Amino acid sequence: MTDSSTELTPEQLQETANTLLKLTAHLRSGPAPEHALALTAVLLDEDHGVLARLSEALRATSRYLVQQAPVPWTPQVQHAVQWLTLAANDIQDWTILHFDVSQLRTDAVLSQSPS
């Protein structure tokens, strides 16, 4: 049984992916460094950023498979659980970039105009 407040559609997730596509296009257009870093900081936030949320979603998918798959697991289920968990861990590791972006945002070099 699912809570109606947590129900999602593939279309809603596609909208999220499209937002990331727009962000990529925007960053390629050459916005001010402060603006680009502010947007990137939101993505990389170690607690609430996209990487943290994607990692959580992959772990939740893995847990769901563990709970729902009949025992004994098929090789496909075992493979999926292992790779979802590995991917979640790898993605979570990338949140370390949060600290690099935070440092850049406070770095005076980026606030200076090129000569």
N, C-alpha and C. Protein backbone atom coordinates (compact mmCIF):
# COMPACT_ATOMS: atom_id res chain seq x y z
N MET A 1 0.84 -1.18 0.00
CA MET A 1 0.00 0.00 0.00
C MET A 1 0.89 1.24 0.00
N THR A 2 0.57 2.19 -0.89
CA THR A 2 1.38 3.39 -0.96
C THR A 2 0.60 4.59 -0.45
N ASP A 3 1.32 5.52 0.09
CA ASP A 3 0.76 6.77 0.57
C ASP A 3 0.56 7.67 -0.65
N SER A 4 -0.62 8.25 -0.82
CA SER A 4 -0.89 9.07 -2.00
C SER A 4 0.03 10.29 -2.07
N SER A 5 0.59 10.72 -0.94
CA SER A 5 1.49 11.88 -0.96
C SER A 5 2.87 11.51 -1.51
N THR A 6 3.17 10.22 -1.64
CA THR A 6 4.47 9.80 -2.16
C THR A 6 4.36 9.17 -3.54
N GLU A 7 3.18 9.12 -4.10
CA GLU A 7 3.03 8.53 -5.43
C GLU A 7 3.65 9.43 -6.48
N LEU A 8 4.34 8.81 -7.41
CA LEU A 8 4.99 9.53 -8.51
C LEU A 8 4.63 8.87 -9.82
N THR A 9 4.76 9.64 -10.87
CA THR A 9 4.56 9.10 -12.21
C THR A 9 5.87 9.19 -12.98
N PRO A 10 6.04 8.37 -13.99
CA PRO A 10 7.23 8.50 -14.83
C PRO A 10 7.34 9.90 -15.45
N GLU A 11 6.20 10.51 -15.72
CA GLU A 11 6.21 11.86 -16.29
C GLU A 11 6.82 12.88 -15.32
N GLN A 12 6.52 12.74 -14.03
CA GLN A 12 7.10 13.65 -13.04
C GLN A 12 8.61 13.50 -12.97
N LEU A 13 9.08 12.28 -13.02
CA LEU A 13 10.52 12.05 -13.00
C LEU A 13 11.17 12.57 -14.28
N GLN A 14 10.46 12.46 -15.40
CA GLN A 14 10.98 13.00 -16.65
C GLN A 14 11.09 14.52 -16.57
N GLU A 15 10.14 15.17 -15.90
CA GLU A 15 10.23 16.62 -15.70
C GLU A 15 11.49 16.98 -14.91
N THR A 16 11.82 16.18 -13.92
CA THR A 16 13.03 16.40 -13.14
C THR A 16 14.27 16.26 -14.01
N ALA A 17 14.28 15.22 -14.83
CA ALA A 17 15.40 15.03 -15.75
C ALA A 17 15.50 16.20 -16.73
N ASN A 18 14.36 16.69 -17.19
CA ASN A 18 14.36 17.85 -18.10
C ASN A 18 14.90 19.10 -17.42
N THR A 19 14.61 19.26 -16.13
CA THR A 19 15.14 20.39 -15.39
C THR A 19 16.66 20.32 -15.34
N LEU A 20 17.20 19.14 -15.14
CA LEU A 20 18.66 18.97 -15.14
C LEU A 20 19.23 19.27 -16.53
N LEU A 21 18.50 18.91 -17.57
CA LEU A 21 18.93 19.23 -18.92
C LEU A 21 18.97 20.74 -19.14
N LYS A 22 17.96 21.44 -18.64
CA LYS A 22 17.94 22.91 -18.72
C LYS A 22 19.10 23.52 -17.95
N LEU A 23 19.38 22.96 -16.79
CA LEU A 23 20.51 23.44 -16.00
C LEU A 23 21.81 23.29 -16.78
N THR A 24 21.99 22.14 -17.40
CA THR A 24 23.20 21.91 -18.19
C THR A 24 23.32 22.94 -19.30
N ALA A 25 22.24 23.18 -20.02
CA ALA A 25 22.25 24.18 -21.09
C ALA A 25 22.57 25.56 -20.53
N HIS A 26 21.99 25.88 -19.40
CA HIS A 26 22.23 27.19 -18.78
C HIS A 26 23.70 27.34 -18.39
N LEU A 27 24.27 26.30 -17.78
CA LEU A 27 25.67 26.37 -17.37
C LEU A 27 26.60 26.46 -18.58
N ARG A 28 26.21 25.84 -19.68
CA ARG A 28 27.01 25.93 -20.91
C ARG A 28 26.93 27.31 -21.55
N SER A 29 25.90 28.08 -21.20
CA SER A 29 25.73 29.41 -21.78
C SER A 29 26.66 30.44 -21.16
N GLY A 30 27.36 30.07 -20.10
CA GLY A 30 28.34 30.96 -19.49
C GLY A 30 27.78 31.97 -18.51
N PRO A 31 26.98 31.53 -17.54
CA PRO A 31 26.49 32.49 -16.53
C PRO A 31 27.65 32.97 -15.66
N ALA A 32 27.39 33.98 -14.88
CA ALA A 32 28.41 34.46 -13.95
C ALA A 32 28.85 33.31 -13.05
N PRO A 33 30.14 33.24 -12.73
CA PRO A 33 30.63 32.14 -11.90
C PRO A 33 29.87 32.00 -10.57
N GLU A 34 29.55 33.13 -9.95
CA GLU A 34 28.84 33.07 -8.67
C GLU A 34 27.48 32.39 -8.83
N HIS A 35 26.80 32.69 -9.94
CA HIS A 35 25.49 32.10 -10.21
C HIS A 35 25.64 30.61 -10.50
N ALA A 36 26.61 30.25 -11.32
CA ALA A 36 26.84 28.85 -11.66
C ALA A 36 27.17 28.04 -10.42
N LEU A 37 28.00 28.58 -9.55
CA LEU A 37 28.36 27.87 -8.33
C LEU A 37 27.19 27.76 -7.36
N ALA A 38 26.36 28.79 -7.32
CA ALA A 38 25.17 28.74 -6.45
C ALA A 38 24.23 27.61 -6.90
N LEU A 39 24.04 27.48 -8.21
CA LEU A 39 23.20 26.40 -8.73
C LEU A 39 23.83 25.04 -8.46
N THR A 40 25.12 24.96 -8.68
CA THR A 40 25.83 23.69 -8.47
C THR A 40 25.82 23.30 -7.00
N ALA A 41 25.91 24.28 -6.12
CA ALA A 41 25.88 23.99 -4.68
C ALA A 41 24.57 23.32 -4.29
N VAL A 42 23.48 23.73 -4.90
CA VAL A 42 22.19 23.09 -4.61
C VAL A 42 22.21 21.63 -5.05
N LEU A 43 22.78 21.37 -6.21
CA LEU A 43 22.87 19.99 -6.69
C LEU A 43 23.70 19.11 -5.77
N LEU A 44 24.78 19.68 -5.27
CA LEU A 44 25.77 18.89 -4.53
C LEU A 44 25.60 18.93 -3.02
N ASP A 45 24.60 19.62 -2.53
CA ASP A 45 24.40 19.69 -1.08
C ASP A 45 24.48 18.28 -0.50
N GLU A 46 25.31 18.13 0.52
CA GLU A 46 25.58 16.80 1.05
C GLU A 46 24.38 16.13 1.72
N ASP A 47 23.40 16.91 2.12
CA ASP A 47 22.22 16.34 2.77
C ASP A 47 20.97 16.35 1.90
N HIS A 48 20.82 17.38 1.06
CA HIS A 48 19.56 17.55 0.32
C HIS A 48 19.75 17.70 -1.18
N GLY A 49 20.97 17.54 -1.67
CA GLY A 49 21.25 17.71 -3.09
C GLY A 49 20.79 16.53 -3.92
N VAL A 50 20.91 16.70 -5.22
CA VAL A 50 20.48 15.67 -6.16
C VAL A 50 21.25 14.37 -5.95
N LEU A 51 22.55 14.47 -5.72
CA LEU A 51 23.32 13.25 -5.51
C LEU A 51 22.86 12.49 -4.27
N ALA A 52 22.64 13.20 -3.19
CA ALA A 52 22.17 12.56 -1.96
C ALA A 52 20.81 11.91 -2.19
N ARG A 53 19.92 12.63 -2.86
CA ARG A 53 18.57 12.09 -3.10
C ARG A 53 18.59 10.90 -4.05
N LEU A 54 19.44 10.98 -5.10
CA LEU A 54 19.54 9.86 -6.03
C LEU A 54 20.09 8.63 -5.31
N SER A 55 21.08 8.84 -4.49
CA SER A 55 21.64 7.73 -3.71
C SER A 55 20.57 7.10 -2.83
N GLU A 56 19.79 7.92 -2.16
CA GLU A 56 18.71 7.40 -1.31
C GLU A 56 17.68 6.63 -2.13
N ALA A 57 17.35 7.14 -3.31
CA ALA A 57 16.36 6.48 -4.16
C ALA A 57 16.86 5.12 -4.64
N LEU A 58 18.14 5.03 -4.99
CA LEU A 58 18.69 3.75 -5.41
C LEU A 58 18.71 2.75 -4.26
N ARG A 59 19.05 3.22 -3.06
CA ARG A 59 19.02 2.34 -1.88
C ARG A 59 17.59 1.86 -1.60
N ALA A 60 16.63 2.78 -1.74
CA ALA A 60 15.23 2.40 -1.52
C ALA A 60 14.78 1.36 -2.55
N THR A 61 15.22 1.50 -3.78
CA THR A 61 14.89 0.51 -4.81
C THR A 61 15.49 -0.84 -4.46
N SER A 62 16.73 -0.82 -4.01
CA SER A 62 17.39 -2.07 -3.61
C SER A 62 16.64 -2.73 -2.45
N ARG A 63 16.30 -1.93 -1.44
CA ARG A 63 15.55 -2.47 -0.29
C ARG A 63 14.20 -3.05 -0.74
N TYR A 64 13.54 -2.36 -1.64
CA TYR A 64 12.25 -2.83 -2.15
C TYR A 64 12.41 -4.19 -2.82
N LEU A 65 13.45 -4.31 -3.65
CA LEU A 65 13.68 -5.60 -4.31
C LEU A 65 13.94 -6.70 -3.28
N VAL A 66 14.72 -6.39 -2.26
CA VAL A 66 15.02 -7.37 -1.21
C VAL A 66 13.73 -7.81 -0.52
N GLN A 67 12.86 -6.86 -0.25
CA GLN A 67 11.61 -7.17 0.46
C GLN A 67 10.61 -7.91 -0.42
N GLN A 68 10.59 -7.61 -1.70
CA GLN A 68 9.54 -8.14 -2.57
C GLN A 68 9.92 -9.37 -3.37
N ALA A 69 11.20 -9.57 -3.61
CA ALA A 69 11.62 -10.69 -4.45
C ALA A 69 11.43 -12.01 -3.71
N PRO A 70 10.93 -12.99 -4.43
CA PRO A 70 10.78 -14.30 -3.78
C PRO A 70 12.16 -14.90 -3.47
N VAL A 71 12.19 -15.64 -2.37
CA VAL A 71 13.42 -16.30 -1.95
C VAL A 71 13.33 -17.74 -2.42
N PRO A 72 14.35 -18.34 -2.96
CA PRO A 72 15.67 -17.77 -3.19
C PRO A 72 15.65 -16.77 -4.35
N TRP A 73 16.53 -15.80 -4.26
CA TRP A 73 16.62 -14.79 -5.30
C TRP A 73 17.14 -15.39 -6.60
N THR A 74 16.61 -14.86 -7.67
CA THR A 74 17.17 -15.23 -8.96
C THR A 74 18.51 -14.50 -9.13
N PRO A 75 19.35 -14.97 -10.00
CA PRO A 75 20.61 -14.26 -10.25
C PRO A 75 20.37 -12.81 -10.68
N GLN A 76 19.29 -12.55 -11.41
CA GLN A 76 18.99 -11.20 -11.85
C GLN A 76 18.67 -10.28 -10.67
N VAL A 77 17.91 -10.78 -9.71
CA VAL A 77 17.58 -9.98 -8.52
C VAL A 77 18.84 -9.73 -7.71
N GLN A 78 19.63 -10.76 -7.50
CA GLN A 78 20.87 -10.60 -6.74
C GLN A 78 21.79 -9.59 -7.41
N HIS A 79 21.92 -9.68 -8.72
CA HIS A 79 22.75 -8.75 -9.48
C HIS A 79 22.23 -7.31 -9.33
N ALA A 80 20.92 -7.13 -9.50
CA ALA A 80 20.33 -5.79 -9.41
C ALA A 80 20.52 -5.19 -8.02
N VAL A 81 20.31 -5.98 -6.99
CA VAL A 81 20.47 -5.49 -5.61
C VAL A 81 21.92 -5.07 -5.38
N GLN A 82 22.85 -5.88 -5.80
CA GLN A 82 24.26 -5.55 -5.61
C GLN A 82 24.64 -4.27 -6.35
N TRP A 83 24.22 -4.15 -7.60
CA TRP A 83 24.62 -2.98 -8.39
C TRP A 83 23.89 -1.71 -7.97
N LEU A 84 22.64 -1.83 -7.56
CA LEU A 84 21.94 -0.64 -7.04
C LEU A 84 22.62 -0.13 -5.78
N THR A 85 23.00 -1.04 -4.91
CA THR A 85 23.67 -0.65 -3.67
C THR A 85 25.04 -0.05 -3.96
N LEU A 86 25.78 -0.66 -4.85
CA LEU A 86 27.09 -0.14 -5.23
C LEU A 86 26.97 1.25 -5.86
N ALA A 87 26.02 1.41 -6.75
CA ALA A 87 25.80 2.71 -7.39
C ALA A 87 25.41 3.76 -6.36
N ALA A 88 24.56 3.40 -5.43
CA ALA A 88 24.14 4.33 -4.37
C ALA A 88 25.34 4.78 -3.55
N ASN A 89 26.21 3.85 -3.21
CA ASN A 89 27.41 4.20 -2.44
C ASN A 89 28.34 5.10 -3.24
N ASP A 90 28.54 4.77 -4.52
CA ASP A 90 29.41 5.59 -5.36
C ASP A 90 28.87 7.01 -5.51
N ILE A 91 27.59 7.12 -5.73
CA ILE A 91 26.97 8.44 -5.89
C ILE A 91 27.08 9.24 -4.60
N GLN A 92 26.86 8.59 -3.48
CA GLN A 92 26.98 9.28 -2.19
C GLN A 92 28.39 9.79 -2.00
N ASP A 93 29.38 9.04 -2.45
CA ASP A 93 30.77 9.48 -2.34
C ASP A 93 31.02 10.78 -3.09
N TRP A 94 30.30 11.00 -4.18
CA TRP A 94 30.49 12.22 -4.97
C TRP A 94 30.00 13.47 -4.26
N THR A 95 29.24 13.31 -3.19
CA THR A 95 28.79 14.51 -2.46
C THR A 95 29.96 15.25 -1.84
N ILE A 96 31.14 14.65 -1.83
CA ILE A 96 32.34 15.34 -1.34
C ILE A 96 32.59 16.60 -2.16
N LEU A 97 32.10 16.63 -3.38
CA LEU A 97 32.24 17.82 -4.22
C LEU A 97 31.59 19.04 -3.59
N HIS A 98 30.65 18.81 -2.69
CA HIS A 98 30.00 19.90 -1.97
C HIS A 98 31.04 20.81 -1.32
N PHE A 99 32.05 20.22 -0.73
CA PHE A 99 33.07 21.01 -0.04
C PHE A 99 33.91 21.81 -1.02
N ASP A 100 34.21 21.24 -2.18
CA ASP A 100 34.98 21.97 -3.20
C ASP A 100 34.20 23.17 -3.71
N VAL A 101 32.93 22.97 -3.98
CA VAL A 101 32.10 24.07 -4.47
C VAL A 101 31.95 25.14 -3.40
N SER A 102 31.78 24.73 -2.16
CA SER A 102 31.68 25.70 -1.06
C SER A 102 32.95 26.55 -0.98
N GLN A 103 34.09 25.90 -1.13
CA GLN A 103 35.35 26.63 -1.09
C GLN A 103 35.46 27.61 -2.27
N LEU A 104 35.08 27.17 -3.44
CA LEU A 104 35.11 28.06 -4.61
C LEU A 104 34.19 29.27 -4.44
N ARG A 105 33.04 29.03 -3.81
CA ARG A 105 32.09 30.13 -3.61
C ARG A 105 32.65 31.20 -2.69
N THR A 106 33.54 30.82 -1.80
CA THR A 106 34.12 31.80 -0.89
C THR A 106 35.47 32.31 -1.39
N ASP A 107 35.95 31.74 -2.48
CA ASP A 107 37.26 32.11 -3.03
C ASP A 107 37.16 33.47 -3.73
N ALA A 108 38.00 34.39 -3.33
CA ALA A 108 37.98 35.75 -3.90
C ALA A 108 38.34 35.78 -5.37
N VAL A 109 39.04 34.77 -5.86
CA VAL A 109 39.47 34.76 -7.26
C VAL A 109 38.26 34.78 -8.19
N LEU A 110 37.20 34.06 -7.85
CA LEU A 110 36.05 34.01 -8.72
C LEU A 110 35.26 35.30 -8.73
N SER A 111 35.40 36.11 -7.72
CA SER A 111 34.65 37.35 -7.69
C SER A 111 35.36 38.46 -8.44
N GLN A 112 36.59 38.22 -8.89
CA GLN A 112 37.32 39.23 -9.64
C GLN A 112 37.04 39.06 -11.12
N SER A 113 36.93 40.16 -11.82
CA SER A 113 36.73 40.14 -13.26
C SER A 113 38.05 39.83 -13.95
N PRO A 114 37.98 39.12 -15.09
CA PRO A 114 39.23 38.86 -15.82
C PRO A 114 39.81 40.18 -16.34
N SER A 115 41.12 40.26 -16.37
CA SER A 115 41.80 41.49 -16.82
C SER A 115 41.91 41.51 -18.32
